[in-house]
Amino acid sequence: VQLVESGGGLVQPGGSLRLSCAASGFTFSSGAMSWYRQAPGKERELVAVMSSAGASTHYVDSVKGRFTISRDNAKNTVYLQMNSLKPEDTAVYYCRGFGSWGQGTQVTVSS
């Protein structure tokens, strides 16, 4: 199982980023996929999760209405669209699926 995130970077408050997580080594369409984040000095937290077929999603309260998780099972990829970013969204963002973690991608929201 391999998960590779991309799309992180530095963005100003109010800006947007789209994270991608490319998966390989398992039947991507058969399981839920999720995004977590870990800010400095804080525990890793679940940000969003999507069911295998994409019919069900869940978000942590702090990102509801701003972040959208989606997946393309034909491309074995899960996305996290992040809008209206705030400094408190600064963290390393991780993709998780089938018991495995990606390496993480840094998101920094700062002016």
C-alpha atoms as a PDB file:
ATOM      1  CA  VAL A   1       0.000   0.000   0.000  1.00  0.00           C
ATOM      2  CA  GLN A   2       1.373   3.387  -0.971  1.00  0.00           C
ATOM      3  CA  LEU A   3      -0.174   6.814  -0.483  1.00  0.00           C
ATOM      4  CA  VAL A   4       1.496   9.924  -1.895  1.00  0.00           C
ATOM      5  CA  GLU A   5       0.184  13.384  -1.054  1.00  0.00           C
ATOM      6  CA  SER A   6       0.801  16.542  -3.026  1.00  0.00           C
ATOM      7  CA  GLY A   7      -0.538  20.072  -3.311  1.00  0.00           C
ATOM      8  CA  GLY A   8       0.556  21.638  -0.066  1.00  0.00           C
ATOM      9  CA  GLY A   9       2.262  25.007   0.175  1.00  0.00           C
ATOM     10  CA  LEU A  10       2.143  28.535   1.513  1.00  0.00           C
ATOM     11  CA  VAL A  11      -1.089  30.475   1.063  1.00  0.00           C
ATOM     12  CA  GLN A  12      -2.469  33.723   2.443  1.00  0.00           C
ATOM     13  CA  PRO A  13      -5.476  33.732   4.769  1.00  0.00           C
ATOM     14  CA  GLY A  14      -8.656  33.427   2.738  1.00  0.00           C
ATOM     15  CA  GLY A  15      -6.892  31.543  -0.015  1.00  0.00           C
ATOM     16  CA  SER A  16      -7.419  28.047  -1.362  1.00  0.00           C
ATOM     17  CA  LEU A  17      -5.433  24.877  -1.925  1.00  0.00           C
ATOM     18  CA  ARG A  18      -6.293  21.451  -3.276  1.00  0.00           C
ATOM     19  CA  LEU A  19      -4.496  18.458  -1.851  1.00  0.00           C
ATOM     20  CA  SER A  20      -4.249  15.191  -3.750  1.00  0.00           C
ATOM     21  CA  CYS A  21      -3.428  11.704  -2.540  1.00  0.00           C
ATOM     22  CA  ALA A  22      -2.516   9.080  -5.126  1.00  0.00           C
ATOM     23  CA  ALA A  23      -2.983   5.516  -3.944  1.00  0.00           C
ATOM     24  CA  SER A  24      -1.566   2.237  -5.156  1.00  0.00           C
ATOM     25  CA  GLY A  25      -1.167  -1.306  -4.012  1.00  0.00           C
ATOM     26  CA  PHE A  26      -4.762  -2.024  -3.053  1.00  0.00           C
ATOM     27  CA  THR A  27      -8.281  -1.912  -4.443  1.00  0.00           C
ATOM     28  CA  PHE A  28      -8.853   1.792  -3.943  1.00  0.00           C
ATOM     29  CA  SER A  29     -12.570   1.738  -4.623  1.00  0.00           C
ATOM     30  CA  SER A  30     -13.312  -0.759  -1.853  1.00  0.00           C
ATOM     31  CA  GLY A  31     -12.523   1.349   1.187  1.00  0.00           C
ATOM     32  CA  ALA A  32     -13.032   4.656   2.914  1.00  0.00           C
ATOM     33  CA  MET A  33     -10.361   7.316   2.577  1.00  0.00           C
ATOM     34  CA  SER A  34      -9.609  10.121   4.961  1.00  0.00           C
ATOM     35  CA  TRP A  35      -7.510  13.210   5.560  1.00  0.00           C
ATOM     36  CA  TYR A  36      -5.867  14.018   8.885  1.00  0.00           C
ATOM     37  CA  ARG A  37      -3.735  16.934   9.982  1.00  0.00           C
ATOM     38  CA  GLN A  38      -1.206  17.588  12.695  1.00  0.00           C
ATOM     39  CA  ALA A  39      -0.243  21.064  13.809  1.00  0.00           C
ATOM     40  CA  PRO A  40       2.962  21.736  15.775  1.00  0.00           C
ATOM     41  CA  GLY A  41       2.556  20.651  19.375  1.00  0.00           C
ATOM     42  CA  LYS A  42      -0.864  19.147  18.773  1.00  0.00           C
ATOM     43  CA  GLU A  43      -2.214  15.657  18.252  1.00  0.00           C
ATOM     44  CA  ARG A  44      -3.121  14.396  14.808  1.00  0.00           C
ATOM     45  CA  GLU A  45      -6.814  14.972  14.109  1.00  0.00           C
ATOM     46  CA  LEU A  46      -9.278  13.650  11.591  1.00  0.00           C
ATOM     47  CA  VAL A  47     -10.269  16.360   9.119  1.00  0.00           C
ATOM     48  CA  ALA A  48     -12.527  14.563   6.642  1.00  0.00           C
ATOM     49  CA  VAL A  49     -13.506  11.062   5.605  1.00  0.00           C
ATOM     50  CA  MET A  50     -15.333   9.716   2.575  1.00  0.00           C
ATOM     51  CA  SER A  51     -16.887   6.294   2.103  1.00  0.00           C
ATOM     52  CA  SER A  52     -15.745   3.932  -0.619  1.00  0.00           C
ATOM     53  CA  ALA A  53     -18.322   4.992  -3.208  1.00  0.00           C
ATOM     54  CA  GLY A  54     -18.343   8.614  -2.097  1.00  0.00           C
ATOM     55  CA  ALA A  55     -21.906   8.577  -0.822  1.00  0.00           C
ATOM     56  CA  SER A  56     -21.043   9.496   2.744  1.00  0.00           C
ATOM     57  CA  THR A  57     -18.725  12.155   4.139  1.00  0.00           C
ATOM     58  CA  HIS A  58     -17.821  13.482   7.557  1.00  0.00           C
ATOM     59  CA  TYR A  59     -15.920  16.616   8.533  1.00  0.00           C
ATOM     60  CA  VAL A  60     -14.499  17.976  11.740  1.00  0.00           C
ATOM     61  CA  ASP A  61     -16.574  20.974  12.820  1.00  0.00           C
ATOM     62  CA  SER A  62     -13.751  23.462  12.309  1.00  0.00           C
ATOM     63  CA  VAL A  63     -13.624  22.855   8.529  1.00  0.00           C
ATOM     64  CA  LYS A  64     -17.302  22.345   7.705  1.00  0.00           C
ATOM     65  CA  GLY A  65     -18.392  24.615   4.871  1.00  0.00           C
ATOM     66  CA  ARG A  66     -14.789  25.349   3.889  1.00  0.00           C
ATOM     67  CA  PHE A  67     -13.226  21.982   3.017  1.00  0.00           C
ATOM     68  CA  THR A  68     -14.537  19.352   0.610  1.00  0.00           C
ATOM     69  CA  ILE A  69     -13.297  15.797   0.313  1.00  0.00           C
ATOM     70  CA  SER A  70     -13.772  13.977  -2.972  1.00  0.00           C
ATOM     71  CA  ARG A  71     -12.420  10.921  -4.736  1.00  0.00           C
ATOM     72  CA  ASP A  72     -11.911   9.630  -8.239  1.00  0.00           C
ATOM     73  CA  ASN A  73     -11.913   5.852  -8.072  1.00  0.00           C
ATOM     74  CA  ALA A  74     -10.844   5.613 -11.711  1.00  0.00           C
ATOM     75  CA  LYS A  75      -7.666   7.540 -10.876  1.00  0.00           C
ATOM     76  CA  ASN A  76      -7.139   5.983  -7.411  1.00  0.00           C
ATOM     77  CA  THR A  77      -6.966   9.484  -5.994  1.00  0.00           C
ATOM     78  CA  VAL A  78      -8.608  11.309  -3.109  1.00  0.00           C
ATOM     79  CA  TYR A  79      -8.700  15.099  -2.893  1.00  0.00           C
ATOM     80  CA  LEU A  80      -9.172  17.744  -0.252  1.00  0.00           C
ATOM     81  CA  GLN A  81     -10.318  21.123  -1.549  1.00  0.00           C
ATOM     82  CA  MET A  82      -9.595  23.749   1.078  1.00  0.00           C
ATOM     83  CA  ASN A  83     -11.174  27.185   0.761  1.00  0.00           C
ATOM     84  CA  SER A  84     -11.243  30.228   3.034  1.00  0.00           C
ATOM     85  CA  LEU A  85      -8.079  29.034   4.711  1.00  0.00           C
ATOM     86  CA  LYS A  86      -7.195  30.345   8.150  1.00  0.00           C
ATOM     87  CA  PRO A  87      -3.877  30.484   9.999  1.00  0.00           C
ATOM     88  CA  GLU A  88      -5.179  27.782  12.335  1.00  0.00           C
ATOM     89  CA  ASP A  89      -5.385  25.415   9.354  1.00  0.00           C
ATOM     90  CA  THR A  90      -1.588  25.380   9.254  1.00  0.00           C
ATOM     91  CA  ALA A  91      -0.468  21.770   9.695  1.00  0.00           C
ATOM     92  CA  VAL A  92       0.974  18.749   7.998  1.00  0.00           C
ATOM     93  CA  TYR A  93      -1.864  17.029   6.173  1.00  0.00           C
ATOM     94  CA  TYR A  94      -1.893  13.250   5.853  1.00  0.00           C
ATOM     95  CA  CYS A  95      -3.885  10.900   3.692  1.00  0.00           C
ATOM     96  CA  ARG A  96      -5.012   7.636   5.270  1.00  0.00           C
ATOM     97  CA  GLY A  97      -6.530   4.516   3.809  1.00  0.00           C
ATOM     98  CA  PHE A  98      -6.482   0.766   4.365  1.00  0.00           C
ATOM     99  CA  GLY A  99      -4.488   1.178   7.537  1.00  0.00           C
ATOM    100  CA  SER A 100      -1.690   3.109   5.847  1.00  0.00           C
ATOM    101  CA  TRP A 101      -0.495   6.707   6.000  1.00  0.00           C
ATOM    102  CA  GLY A 102       1.018   8.940   3.392  1.00  0.00           C
ATOM    103  CA  GLN A 103       4.175  10.918   4.101  1.00  0.00           C
ATOM    104  CA  GLY A 104       2.288  14.169   4.630  1.00  0.00           C
ATOM    105  CA  THR A 105       2.259  17.536   2.907  1.00  0.00           C
ATOM    106  CA  GLN A 106       2.805  20.862   4.654  1.00  0.00           C
ATOM    107  CA  VAL A 107       0.107  23.527   4.492  1.00  0.00           C
ATOM    108  CA  THR A 108       1.027  26.950   5.836  1.00  0.00           C
ATOM    109  CA  VAL A 109      -1.514  29.756   5.999  1.00  0.00           C
ATOM    110  CA  SER A 110       0.185  33.064   6.657  1.00  0.00           C
ATOM    111  CA  SER A 111       0.321  36.616   5.395  1.00  0.00           C
END
